[in-house]
């Protein structure tokens, strides 16, 4: 089987999680380009019910310290992963948090004349899917510019406390993504063969 390749596909294949960063700052142009790419993601009803919170300097350092402190209240392996996440935040020049606004949920439950609980679950799921697509665009844009990034999924364990720090309402989705120049070249893990994950009917 021969895979077709182009610049976009090369970026997808090159993307992998980077957890240690050089102290080199990101230019404003790079940061804006990454955020714009994230904002181009598909979203249900084109509501774009996401917000990008950029943490630099003291704010980034404070978030790293809070996560490190919180990690002590968890047992292993969660505590170890939270400490690792704190180190990634501390070493990256910029951390971008992606949060839901809840706009799609409120708009959808008013628009659709169905059971409120059913509508809430439906639009909640679509809002999460939309924001996740924005994060993937962010990751791919960073890779295309020679930068590294990592989606710190472990922070969902402390979502409410992170959202409180970000001064954002308690949404259904929250992603924290440190971004910067990789400290050293690394390679990502091998992926499962396609035949293991594709089913044709």
N, C-alpha and C. Protein backbone atom coordinates (compact mmCIF):
# COMPACT_ATOMS: atom_id res chain seq x y z
N UNK A 1 0.85 -1.19 0.00
CA UNK A 1 0.00 0.00 0.00
C UNK A 1 0.88 1.24 0.00
N UNK A 2 0.68 2.12 -0.97
CA UNK A 2 1.43 3.36 -1.07
C UNK A 2 0.58 4.53 -0.59
N UNK A 3 1.07 5.26 0.41
CA UNK A 3 0.35 6.42 0.92
C UNK A 3 0.71 7.65 0.10
N UNK A 4 -0.30 8.44 -0.24
CA UNK A 4 -0.04 9.72 -0.91
C UNK A 4 0.52 10.70 0.11
N UNK A 5 1.36 11.63 -0.33
CA UNK A 5 1.96 12.59 0.60
C UNK A 5 1.90 13.99 0.02
N UNK A 6 1.73 14.95 0.87
CA UNK A 6 1.88 16.37 0.54
C UNK A 6 2.29 17.09 1.81
N UNK A 7 2.40 18.42 1.75
CA UNK A 7 2.90 19.16 2.92
C UNK A 7 1.99 19.00 4.13
N UNK A 8 0.69 19.01 3.91
CA UNK A 8 -0.25 18.85 5.03
C UNK A 8 -0.11 17.48 5.67
N UNK A 9 -0.05 16.45 4.84
CA UNK A 9 0.08 15.09 5.36
C UNK A 9 1.42 14.89 6.05
N UNK A 10 2.47 15.52 5.55
CA UNK A 10 3.78 15.43 6.20
C UNK A 10 3.72 16.04 7.61
N UNK A 11 2.99 17.15 7.75
CA UNK A 11 2.84 17.78 9.07
C UNK A 11 2.08 16.87 10.02
N UNK A 12 1.02 16.23 9.52
CA UNK A 12 0.25 15.31 10.35
C UNK A 12 1.13 14.16 10.84
N UNK A 13 1.95 13.62 9.95
CA UNK A 13 2.82 12.52 10.34
C UNK A 13 3.96 12.97 11.27
N UNK A 14 4.38 14.22 11.13
CA UNK A 14 5.49 14.71 11.96
C UNK A 14 5.04 15.09 13.37
N UNK A 15 3.76 15.43 13.54
CA UNK A 15 3.28 15.89 14.84
C UNK A 15 3.39 14.81 15.91
N UNK A 16 3.98 15.16 17.02
CA UNK A 16 3.99 14.29 18.20
C UNK A 16 4.18 15.17 19.42
N UNK A 17 3.91 14.62 20.57
CA UNK A 17 3.92 15.42 21.80
C UNK A 17 5.34 15.79 22.19
N UNK A 18 5.53 17.07 22.49
CA UNK A 18 6.80 17.60 23.00
C UNK A 18 6.55 18.11 24.41
N UNK A 19 7.35 17.64 25.35
CA UNK A 19 7.10 17.99 26.76
C UNK A 19 8.20 18.83 27.39
N UNK A 20 9.33 19.01 26.68
CA UNK A 20 10.41 19.85 27.18
C UNK A 20 10.75 20.88 26.11
N UNK A 21 10.89 22.13 26.55
CA UNK A 21 11.03 23.23 25.60
C UNK A 21 12.27 24.06 25.89
N UNK A 22 12.80 24.68 24.84
CA UNK A 22 13.89 25.64 25.02
C UNK A 22 13.28 26.95 25.52
N UNK A 23 14.07 27.80 26.17
CA UNK A 23 13.53 29.06 26.69
C UNK A 23 13.30 30.11 25.60
N UNK A 24 13.64 29.79 24.36
CA UNK A 24 13.49 30.75 23.26
C UNK A 24 12.03 31.21 23.15
N UNK A 25 11.79 32.53 23.16
CA UNK A 25 10.40 33.01 23.10
C UNK A 25 9.76 32.79 21.74
N UNK A 26 8.45 32.77 21.72
CA UNK A 26 7.70 32.72 20.47
C UNK A 26 7.47 34.14 19.97
N UNK A 27 7.63 34.34 18.67
CA UNK A 27 7.31 35.65 18.12
C UNK A 27 5.79 35.85 18.16
N UNK A 28 5.38 37.10 18.17
CA UNK A 28 3.95 37.41 18.16
C UNK A 28 3.29 36.88 16.89
N UNK A 29 4.03 36.90 15.78
CA UNK A 29 3.49 36.39 14.52
C UNK A 29 3.23 34.89 14.62
N UNK A 30 4.17 34.15 15.23
CA UNK A 30 3.97 32.70 15.38
C UNK A 30 2.76 32.41 16.25
N UNK A 31 2.65 33.10 17.37
CA UNK A 31 1.54 32.88 18.29
C UNK A 31 0.20 33.19 17.62
N UNK A 32 0.15 34.31 16.92
CA UNK A 32 -1.10 34.70 16.25
C UNK A 32 -1.46 33.70 15.16
N UNK A 33 -0.46 33.21 14.43
CA UNK A 33 -0.70 32.23 13.37
C UNK A 33 -1.28 30.94 13.93
N UNK A 34 -0.73 30.48 15.05
CA UNK A 34 -1.23 29.25 15.69
C UNK A 34 -2.68 29.44 16.16
N UNK A 35 -2.95 30.57 16.78
CA UNK A 35 -4.30 30.84 17.28
C UNK A 35 -5.29 30.97 16.13
N UNK A 36 -4.87 31.59 15.06
CA UNK A 36 -5.75 31.73 13.90
C UNK A 36 -6.07 30.36 13.30
N UNK A 37 -5.08 29.48 13.23
CA UNK A 37 -5.31 28.13 12.72
C UNK A 37 -6.32 27.39 13.60
N UNK A 38 -6.17 27.53 14.92
CA UNK A 38 -7.13 26.90 15.84
C UNK A 38 -8.53 27.43 15.60
N UNK A 39 -8.63 28.72 15.34
CA UNK A 39 -9.93 29.35 15.16
C UNK A 39 -10.60 28.97 13.84
N UNK A 40 -9.84 28.37 12.92
CA UNK A 40 -10.39 27.94 11.63
C UNK A 40 -11.01 26.55 11.70
N UNK A 41 -10.99 25.92 12.85
CA UNK A 41 -11.52 24.56 12.99
C UNK A 41 -13.01 24.52 12.70
N UNK A 42 -13.52 23.37 12.25
CA UNK A 42 -14.96 23.26 12.07
C UNK A 42 -15.67 23.29 13.43
N UNK A 43 -16.86 23.87 13.45
CA UNK A 43 -17.64 23.90 14.69
C UNK A 43 -19.11 23.75 14.38
N UNK A 44 -19.82 23.08 15.25
CA UNK A 44 -21.24 22.84 15.05
C UNK A 44 -22.00 24.17 14.94
N UNK A 45 -22.80 24.29 13.90
CA UNK A 45 -23.60 25.50 13.64
C UNK A 45 -22.72 26.74 13.52
N UNK A 46 -21.42 26.52 13.29
CA UNK A 46 -20.44 27.61 13.19
C UNK A 46 -20.52 28.56 14.38
N UNK A 47 -20.81 28.02 15.57
CA UNK A 47 -20.92 28.87 16.75
C UNK A 47 -19.54 29.25 17.30
N UNK A 48 -18.51 28.46 16.94
CA UNK A 48 -17.15 28.71 17.43
C UNK A 48 -17.17 28.97 18.94
N UNK A 49 -17.77 28.03 19.64
CA UNK A 49 -17.99 28.21 21.09
C UNK A 49 -16.75 27.84 21.89
N UNK A 50 -15.65 28.48 21.52
CA UNK A 50 -14.38 28.24 22.22
C UNK A 50 -13.75 29.58 22.57
N UNK A 51 -12.82 29.52 23.48
CA UNK A 51 -12.02 30.69 23.84
C UNK A 51 -10.59 30.22 24.05
N UNK A 52 -9.63 31.01 23.58
CA UNK A 52 -8.21 30.69 23.74
C UNK A 52 -7.60 31.63 24.77
N UNK A 53 -7.10 31.08 25.85
CA UNK A 53 -6.51 31.88 26.93
C UNK A 53 -4.99 31.68 26.86
N UNK A 54 -4.27 32.76 26.60
CA UNK A 54 -2.82 32.71 26.43
C UNK A 54 -2.14 33.06 27.75
N UNK A 55 -1.30 32.14 28.22
CA UNK A 55 -0.57 32.36 29.47
C UNK A 55 0.92 32.49 29.17
N UNK A 56 1.47 33.62 29.59
CA UNK A 56 2.91 33.86 29.45
C UNK A 56 3.44 34.40 30.78
N UNK A 57 4.73 34.42 30.93
CA UNK A 57 5.35 35.04 32.09
C UNK A 57 4.84 34.53 33.42
N UNK A 58 4.45 35.46 34.30
CA UNK A 58 4.04 35.09 35.66
C UNK A 58 2.80 34.20 35.68
N UNK A 59 1.87 34.45 34.77
CA UNK A 59 0.64 33.64 34.75
C UNK A 59 0.96 32.18 34.45
N UNK A 60 1.84 31.95 33.49
CA UNK A 60 2.24 30.58 33.15
C UNK A 60 2.96 29.92 34.32
N UNK A 61 3.87 30.68 34.96
CA UNK A 61 4.61 30.15 36.10
C UNK A 61 3.67 29.81 37.26
N UNK A 62 2.70 30.67 37.51
CA UNK A 62 1.76 30.42 38.60
C UNK A 62 0.91 29.18 38.34
N UNK A 63 0.47 29.00 37.09
CA UNK A 63 -0.30 27.79 36.77
C UNK A 63 0.54 26.55 37.01
N UNK A 64 1.79 26.57 36.58
CA UNK A 64 2.68 25.43 36.79
C UNK A 64 2.83 25.12 38.27
N UNK A 65 3.00 26.16 39.08
CA UNK A 65 3.15 25.97 40.53
C UNK A 65 1.89 25.41 41.15
N UNK A 66 0.73 25.88 40.71
CA UNK A 66 -0.53 25.38 41.26
C UNK A 66 -0.72 23.90 40.91
N UNK A 67 -0.42 23.54 39.67
CA UNK A 67 -0.57 22.14 39.27
C UNK A 67 0.39 21.26 40.06
N UNK A 68 1.60 21.72 40.27
CA UNK A 68 2.58 20.96 41.04
C UNK A 68 2.10 20.77 42.49
N UNK A 69 1.54 21.82 43.07
CA UNK A 69 1.02 21.72 44.44
C UNK A 69 -0.17 20.76 44.51
N UNK A 70 -1.09 20.87 43.55
CA UNK A 70 -2.26 20.00 43.51
C UNK A 70 -1.86 18.55 43.36
N UNK A 71 -0.77 18.29 42.64
CA UNK A 71 -0.33 16.91 42.38
C UNK A 71 -0.09 16.13 43.67
N UNK A 72 0.25 16.83 44.74
CA UNK A 72 0.56 16.16 46.01
C UNK A 72 -0.67 15.56 46.67
N UNK A 73 -1.85 15.96 46.21
CA UNK A 73 -3.09 15.42 46.79
C UNK A 73 -3.55 14.15 46.08
N UNK A 74 -2.83 13.73 45.04
CA UNK A 74 -3.20 12.55 44.27
C UNK A 74 -2.21 11.42 44.53
N UNK A 75 -2.69 10.21 44.36
CA UNK A 75 -1.82 9.03 44.43
C UNK A 75 -1.18 8.81 43.06
N UNK A 76 -0.11 8.01 43.04
CA UNK A 76 0.49 7.64 41.76
C UNK A 76 -0.49 6.76 41.00
N UNK A 77 -0.48 6.77 39.66
CA UNK A 77 0.40 7.52 38.77
C UNK A 77 -0.08 8.94 38.47
N UNK A 78 -1.31 9.30 38.93
CA UNK A 78 -1.84 10.62 38.61
C UNK A 78 -0.91 11.73 39.11
N UNK A 79 -0.37 11.58 40.33
CA UNK A 79 0.51 12.61 40.88
C UNK A 79 1.75 12.81 40.02
N UNK A 80 2.31 11.71 39.52
CA UNK A 80 3.50 11.79 38.67
C UNK A 80 3.19 12.50 37.36
N UNK A 81 2.05 12.17 36.76
CA UNK A 81 1.67 12.78 35.49
C UNK A 81 1.36 14.27 35.67
N UNK A 82 0.76 14.64 36.78
CA UNK A 82 0.49 16.05 37.05
C UNK A 82 1.78 16.83 37.24
N UNK A 83 2.75 16.25 37.93
CA UNK A 83 4.05 16.92 38.09
C UNK A 83 4.75 17.08 36.74
N UNK A 84 4.64 16.06 35.89
CA UNK A 84 5.22 16.15 34.55
C UNK A 84 4.55 17.27 33.75
N UNK A 85 3.24 17.37 33.89
CA UNK A 85 2.51 18.44 33.21
C UNK A 85 2.97 19.81 33.70
N UNK A 86 3.16 19.94 35.00
CA UNK A 86 3.63 21.21 35.57
C UNK A 86 4.99 21.59 35.00
N UNK A 87 5.87 20.61 34.85
CA UNK A 87 7.20 20.89 34.29
C UNK A 87 7.10 21.34 32.84
N UNK A 88 6.19 20.74 32.08
CA UNK A 88 6.01 21.16 30.69
C UNK A 88 5.52 22.60 30.60
N UNK A 89 4.56 22.95 31.45
CA UNK A 89 4.04 24.32 31.47
C UNK A 89 5.16 25.29 31.85
N UNK A 90 5.95 24.92 32.83
CA UNK A 90 7.02 25.80 33.32
C UNK A 90 8.11 26.02 32.27
N UNK A 91 8.38 25.00 31.45
CA UNK A 91 9.49 25.12 30.50
C UNK A 91 9.09 25.77 29.19
N UNK A 92 7.80 25.80 28.87
CA UNK A 92 7.35 26.38 27.60
C UNK A 92 7.22 27.89 27.72
N UNK A 93 7.58 28.64 26.69
CA UNK A 93 7.43 30.10 26.76
C UNK A 93 5.97 30.55 26.76
N UNK A 94 5.11 29.73 26.18
CA UNK A 94 3.68 30.07 26.09
C UNK A 94 2.86 28.82 26.38
N UNK A 95 1.79 28.98 27.12
CA UNK A 95 0.81 27.91 27.28
C UNK A 95 -0.55 28.46 26.85
N UNK A 96 -1.23 27.69 26.02
CA UNK A 96 -2.54 28.10 25.51
C UNK A 96 -3.60 27.17 26.10
N UNK A 97 -4.55 27.75 26.79
CA UNK A 97 -5.68 26.98 27.31
C UNK A 97 -6.87 27.18 26.38
N UNK A 98 -7.55 26.09 26.08
CA UNK A 98 -8.74 26.14 25.22
C UNK A 98 -9.93 25.74 26.08
N UNK A 99 -10.93 26.60 26.14
CA UNK A 99 -12.10 26.34 26.98
C UNK A 99 -13.37 26.56 26.18
N UNK A 100 -14.43 25.93 26.62
CA UNK A 100 -15.75 26.12 26.02
C UNK A 100 -16.41 27.38 26.58
N UNK A 101 -17.22 28.02 25.78
CA UNK A 101 -18.00 29.16 26.27
C UNK A 101 -19.40 28.74 26.70
N UNK A 102 -19.87 27.58 26.22
CA UNK A 102 -21.23 27.16 26.51
C UNK A 102 -22.26 27.78 25.58
N UNK A 103 -21.80 28.58 24.62
CA UNK A 103 -22.72 29.28 23.73
C UNK A 103 -23.54 28.31 22.88
N UNK A 104 -22.89 27.26 22.38
CA UNK A 104 -23.60 26.29 21.55
C UNK A 104 -24.67 25.56 22.37
N UNK A 105 -24.32 25.22 23.61
CA UNK A 105 -25.28 24.52 24.47
C UNK A 105 -26.52 25.37 24.70
N UNK A 106 -26.32 26.63 25.07
CA UNK A 106 -27.47 27.49 25.34
C UNK A 106 -28.25 27.78 24.07
N UNK A 107 -27.55 28.00 22.97
CA UNK A 107 -28.22 28.27 21.69
C UNK A 107 -29.00 27.05 21.22
N UNK A 108 -28.38 25.89 21.31
CA UNK A 108 -29.01 24.68 20.78
C UNK A 108 -30.23 24.24 21.55
N UNK A 109 -30.16 24.33 22.87
CA UNK A 109 -31.30 23.88 23.68
C UNK A 109 -32.52 24.79 23.47
N UNK A 110 -32.28 26.05 23.07
CA UNK A 110 -33.38 26.95 22.74
C UNK A 110 -33.89 26.69 21.32
N UNK A 111 -32.98 26.34 20.42
CA UNK A 111 -33.33 26.16 19.01
C UNK A 111 -34.12 24.89 18.76
N UNK A 112 -33.73 23.79 19.41
CA UNK A 112 -34.34 22.49 19.15
C UNK A 112 -35.47 22.23 20.15
N UNK A 113 -36.64 21.96 19.62
CA UNK A 113 -37.80 21.70 20.47
C UNK A 113 -37.85 20.21 20.83
N UNK A 114 -36.87 19.80 21.65
CA UNK A 114 -36.82 18.43 22.13
C UNK A 114 -36.60 18.47 23.63
N UNK A 115 -36.63 17.31 24.25
CA UNK A 115 -36.39 17.22 25.69
C UNK A 115 -35.13 17.97 26.08
N UNK A 116 -35.21 18.80 27.11
CA UNK A 116 -34.08 19.65 27.49
C UNK A 116 -32.84 18.84 27.85
N UNK A 117 -33.01 17.73 28.57
CA UNK A 117 -31.86 16.91 28.93
C UNK A 117 -31.21 16.31 27.69
N UNK A 118 -32.04 15.84 26.77
CA UNK A 118 -31.52 15.27 25.53
C UNK A 118 -30.80 16.33 24.70
N UNK A 119 -31.38 17.51 24.61
CA UNK A 119 -30.76 18.60 23.86
C UNK A 119 -29.44 19.02 24.49
N UNK A 120 -29.42 19.10 25.82
CA UNK A 120 -28.18 19.49 26.51
C UNK A 120 -27.06 18.51 26.19
N UNK A 121 -27.37 17.21 26.30
CA UNK A 121 -26.34 16.20 26.04
C UNK A 121 -25.87 16.25 24.59
N UNK A 122 -26.80 16.45 23.67
CA UNK A 122 -26.48 16.53 22.25
C UNK A 122 -25.54 17.69 21.96
N UNK A 123 -25.88 18.88 22.42
CA UNK A 123 -25.07 20.06 22.12
C UNK A 123 -23.80 20.12 22.96
N UNK A 124 -23.86 19.54 24.15
CA UNK A 124 -22.63 19.42 24.95
C UNK A 124 -21.60 18.60 24.20
N UNK A 125 -22.04 17.48 23.62
CA UNK A 125 -21.12 16.62 22.87
C UNK A 125 -20.58 17.36 21.65
N UNK A 126 -21.42 18.07 20.93
CA UNK A 126 -20.95 18.80 19.75
C UNK A 126 -19.99 19.93 20.12
N UNK A 127 -20.23 20.55 21.27
CA UNK A 127 -19.33 21.62 21.70
C UNK A 127 -17.95 21.05 22.05
N UNK A 128 -17.92 19.90 22.70
CA UNK A 128 -16.65 19.24 23.01
C UNK A 128 -15.94 18.85 21.72
N UNK A 129 -16.68 18.28 20.77
CA UNK A 129 -16.07 17.87 19.50
C UNK A 129 -15.48 19.08 18.77
N UNK A 130 -16.20 20.19 18.76
CA UNK A 130 -15.72 21.39 18.08
C UNK A 130 -14.44 21.91 18.70
N UNK A 131 -14.41 21.98 20.03
CA UNK A 131 -13.22 22.49 20.71
C UNK A 131 -12.03 21.56 20.54
N UNK A 132 -12.28 20.24 20.51
CA UNK A 132 -11.21 19.29 20.29
C UNK A 132 -10.61 19.47 18.89
N UNK A 133 -11.46 19.78 17.90
CA UNK A 133 -10.96 20.04 16.55
C UNK A 133 -10.07 21.29 16.55
N UNK A 134 -10.43 22.29 17.34
CA UNK A 134 -9.61 23.50 17.43
C UNK A 134 -8.24 23.19 18.02
N UNK A 135 -8.21 22.33 19.03
CA UNK A 135 -6.93 21.94 19.63
C UNK A 135 -6.06 21.21 18.61
N UNK A 136 -6.65 20.30 17.84
CA UNK A 136 -5.87 19.58 16.83
C UNK A 136 -5.29 20.55 15.79
N UNK A 137 -6.09 21.52 15.36
CA UNK A 137 -5.55 22.53 14.44
C UNK A 137 -4.38 23.27 15.06
N UNK A 138 -4.50 23.59 16.34
CA UNK A 138 -3.42 24.29 17.05
C UNK A 138 -2.14 23.45 17.05
N UNK A 139 -2.29 22.16 17.35
CA UNK A 139 -1.13 21.27 17.40
C UNK A 139 -0.46 21.14 16.03
N UNK A 140 -1.27 21.01 15.00
CA UNK A 140 -0.72 20.87 13.64
C UNK A 140 -0.06 22.16 13.18
N UNK A 141 -0.66 23.29 13.50
CA UNK A 141 -0.06 24.57 13.12
C UNK A 141 1.30 24.76 13.79
N UNK A 142 1.38 24.41 15.07
CA UNK A 142 2.65 24.51 15.78
C UNK A 142 3.72 23.65 15.11
N UNK A 143 3.36 22.42 14.78
CA UNK A 143 4.30 21.51 14.12
C UNK A 143 4.76 22.08 12.79
N UNK A 144 3.83 22.64 12.02
CA UNK A 144 4.17 23.18 10.70
C UNK A 144 5.15 24.34 10.77
N UNK A 145 5.21 25.02 11.92
CA UNK A 145 6.12 26.15 12.11
C UNK A 145 7.42 25.75 12.79
N UNK A 146 7.63 24.43 12.96
CA UNK A 146 8.85 23.95 13.60
C UNK A 146 8.81 24.02 15.11
N UNK A 147 7.62 24.18 15.67
CA UNK A 147 7.46 24.25 17.12
C UNK A 147 6.99 22.90 17.66
N UNK A 148 7.01 22.77 18.96
CA UNK A 148 6.49 21.59 19.63
C UNK A 148 5.33 21.98 20.53
N UNK A 149 4.49 21.01 20.85
CA UNK A 149 3.35 21.26 21.73
C UNK A 149 2.89 19.93 22.31
N UNK A 150 2.13 20.01 23.40
CA UNK A 150 1.57 18.80 24.00
C UNK A 150 0.22 19.14 24.62
N UNK A 151 -0.75 18.29 24.37
CA UNK A 151 -2.09 18.42 24.97
C UNK A 151 -2.04 17.70 26.31
N UNK A 152 -2.10 18.45 27.41
CA UNK A 152 -1.95 17.88 28.75
C UNK A 152 -3.30 17.37 29.26
N UNK A 153 -3.69 16.21 28.75
CA UNK A 153 -4.99 15.65 29.10
C UNK A 153 -5.15 15.36 30.59
N UNK A 154 -4.05 15.10 31.29
CA UNK A 154 -4.13 14.77 32.71
C UNK A 154 -4.74 15.92 33.53
N UNK A 155 -4.65 17.14 33.02
CA UNK A 155 -5.18 18.28 33.77
C UNK A 155 -6.69 18.28 33.85
N UNK A 156 -7.34 17.41 33.08
CA UNK A 156 -8.80 17.32 33.21
C UNK A 156 -9.18 16.81 34.60
N UNK A 157 -8.27 16.14 35.27
CA UNK A 157 -8.53 15.70 36.65
C UNK A 157 -8.76 16.89 37.58
N UNK A 158 -8.19 18.04 37.22
CA UNK A 158 -8.32 19.24 38.06
C UNK A 158 -8.95 20.37 37.24
N UNK A 159 -9.86 20.01 36.35
CA UNK A 159 -10.46 20.96 35.41
C UNK A 159 -11.06 22.17 36.11
N UNK A 160 -11.86 21.94 37.13
CA UNK A 160 -12.54 23.07 37.77
C UNK A 160 -11.56 24.05 38.39
N UNK A 161 -10.48 23.53 38.96
CA UNK A 161 -9.49 24.42 39.57
C UNK A 161 -8.70 25.19 38.51
N UNK A 162 -8.44 24.54 37.38
CA UNK A 162 -7.76 25.25 36.29
C UNK A 162 -8.68 26.34 35.72
N UNK A 163 -9.96 26.00 35.51
CA UNK A 163 -10.91 26.99 34.99
C UNK A 163 -11.05 28.17 35.95
N UNK A 164 -11.01 27.89 37.24
CA UNK A 164 -11.07 28.96 38.24
C UNK A 164 -9.85 29.88 38.11
N UNK A 165 -8.68 29.27 37.92
CA UNK A 165 -7.46 30.07 37.73
C UNK A 165 -7.54 30.92 36.47
N UNK A 166 -8.12 30.36 35.42
CA UNK A 166 -8.26 31.07 34.15
C UNK A 166 -9.36 32.12 34.18
N UNK A 167 -10.14 32.14 35.27
CA UNK A 167 -11.27 33.05 35.42
C UNK A 167 -12.31 32.83 34.32
N UNK A 168 -12.54 31.55 34.05
CA UNK A 168 -13.53 31.16 33.05
C UNK A 168 -14.62 30.35 33.76
N UNK A 169 -15.85 30.42 33.27
CA UNK A 169 -16.92 29.64 33.89
C UNK A 169 -16.67 28.16 33.72
N UNK A 170 -17.28 27.36 34.56
CA UNK A 170 -17.08 25.91 34.51
C UNK A 170 -17.68 25.32 33.25
N UNK A 171 -16.86 25.13 32.23
CA UNK A 171 -17.34 24.57 30.97
C UNK A 171 -17.21 23.07 30.94
N UNK A 172 -17.61 22.49 29.81
CA UNK A 172 -17.57 21.05 29.64
C UNK A 172 -16.23 20.58 29.09
N UNK A 173 -15.42 21.50 28.61
CA UNK A 173 -14.16 21.14 27.94
C UNK A 173 -13.06 22.07 28.40
N UNK A 174 -11.88 21.51 28.55
CA UNK A 174 -10.74 22.32 28.91
C UNK A 174 -9.49 21.60 28.45
N UNK A 175 -8.65 22.29 27.68
CA UNK A 175 -7.38 21.72 27.24
C UNK A 175 -6.28 22.72 27.54
N UNK A 176 -5.14 22.23 28.01
CA UNK A 176 -3.99 23.08 28.29
C UNK A 176 -2.85 22.59 27.41
N UNK A 177 -2.29 23.51 26.59
CA UNK A 177 -1.30 23.13 25.58
C UNK A 177 -0.07 24.03 25.68
N UNK A 178 1.02 23.57 26.30
CA UNK A 178 2.28 24.31 26.24
C UNK A 178 2.84 24.28 24.82
N UNK A 179 3.42 25.40 24.38
CA UNK A 179 3.95 25.52 23.02
C UNK A 179 5.30 26.20 23.07
N UNK A 180 6.25 25.70 22.27
CA UNK A 180 7.56 26.34 22.18
C UNK A 180 8.49 25.55 21.30
N UNK A 181 9.71 26.02 21.20
CA UNK A 181 10.73 25.29 20.45
C UNK A 181 11.11 24.05 21.27
N UNK A 182 11.16 22.88 20.63
CA UNK A 182 11.57 21.67 21.36
C UNK A 182 12.97 21.83 21.94
N UNK A 183 13.17 21.33 23.14
CA UNK A 183 14.49 21.39 23.76
C UNK A 183 15.50 20.59 22.97
N UNK A 184 15.07 19.46 22.43
CA UNK A 184 15.93 18.60 21.61
C UNK A 184 15.06 17.84 20.61
N UNK A 185 15.63 17.36 19.52
CA UNK A 185 14.84 16.59 18.56
C UNK A 185 14.36 15.28 19.18
N UNK A 186 13.11 14.94 18.95
CA UNK A 186 12.54 13.69 19.45
C UNK A 186 11.68 13.06 18.37
N UNK A 187 11.37 11.80 18.56
CA UNK A 187 10.46 11.11 17.66
C UNK A 187 9.26 10.62 18.43
N UNK A 188 8.13 10.61 17.76
CA UNK A 188 6.91 10.15 18.39
C UNK A 188 6.83 8.63 18.39
N UNK A 189 5.89 8.07 19.13
CA UNK A 189 5.72 6.62 19.17
C UNK A 189 5.13 6.10 17.86
N UNK A 190 5.35 4.83 17.61
CA UNK A 190 4.74 4.20 16.44
C UNK A 190 3.24 4.08 16.64
N UNK A 191 2.50 4.24 15.57
CA UNK A 191 1.05 4.09 15.61
C UNK A 191 0.66 2.66 15.26
N UNK A 192 -0.52 2.26 15.68
CA UNK A 192 -1.02 0.94 15.32
C UNK A 192 -1.16 0.83 13.80
N UNK A 193 -0.92 -0.34 13.24
CA UNK A 193 -1.15 -0.51 11.79
C UNK A 193 -2.61 -0.25 11.44
N UNK A 194 -2.82 0.29 10.24
CA UNK A 194 -4.17 0.64 9.82
C UNK A 194 -5.13 -0.55 9.90
N UNK A 195 -4.61 -1.74 9.54
CA UNK A 195 -5.50 -2.90 9.55
C UNK A 195 -6.03 -3.23 10.94
N UNK A 196 -5.40 -2.70 11.98
CA UNK A 196 -5.87 -2.94 13.34
C UNK A 196 -6.99 -1.99 13.77
N UNK A 197 -7.16 -0.89 13.01
CA UNK A 197 -8.12 0.11 13.46
C UNK A 197 -9.16 0.47 12.39
N UNK A 198 -9.09 -0.17 11.23
CA UNK A 198 -10.03 0.11 10.16
C UNK A 198 -10.96 -1.08 9.97
N UNK A 199 -12.25 -0.79 9.89
CA UNK A 199 -13.24 -1.83 9.65
C UNK A 199 -14.10 -1.41 8.46
N UNK A 200 -14.19 -2.25 7.46
CA UNK A 200 -15.00 -1.97 6.29
C UNK A 200 -16.27 -2.81 6.34
N UNK A 201 -17.37 -2.17 6.06
CA UNK A 201 -18.66 -2.88 6.07
C UNK A 201 -19.29 -2.79 4.67
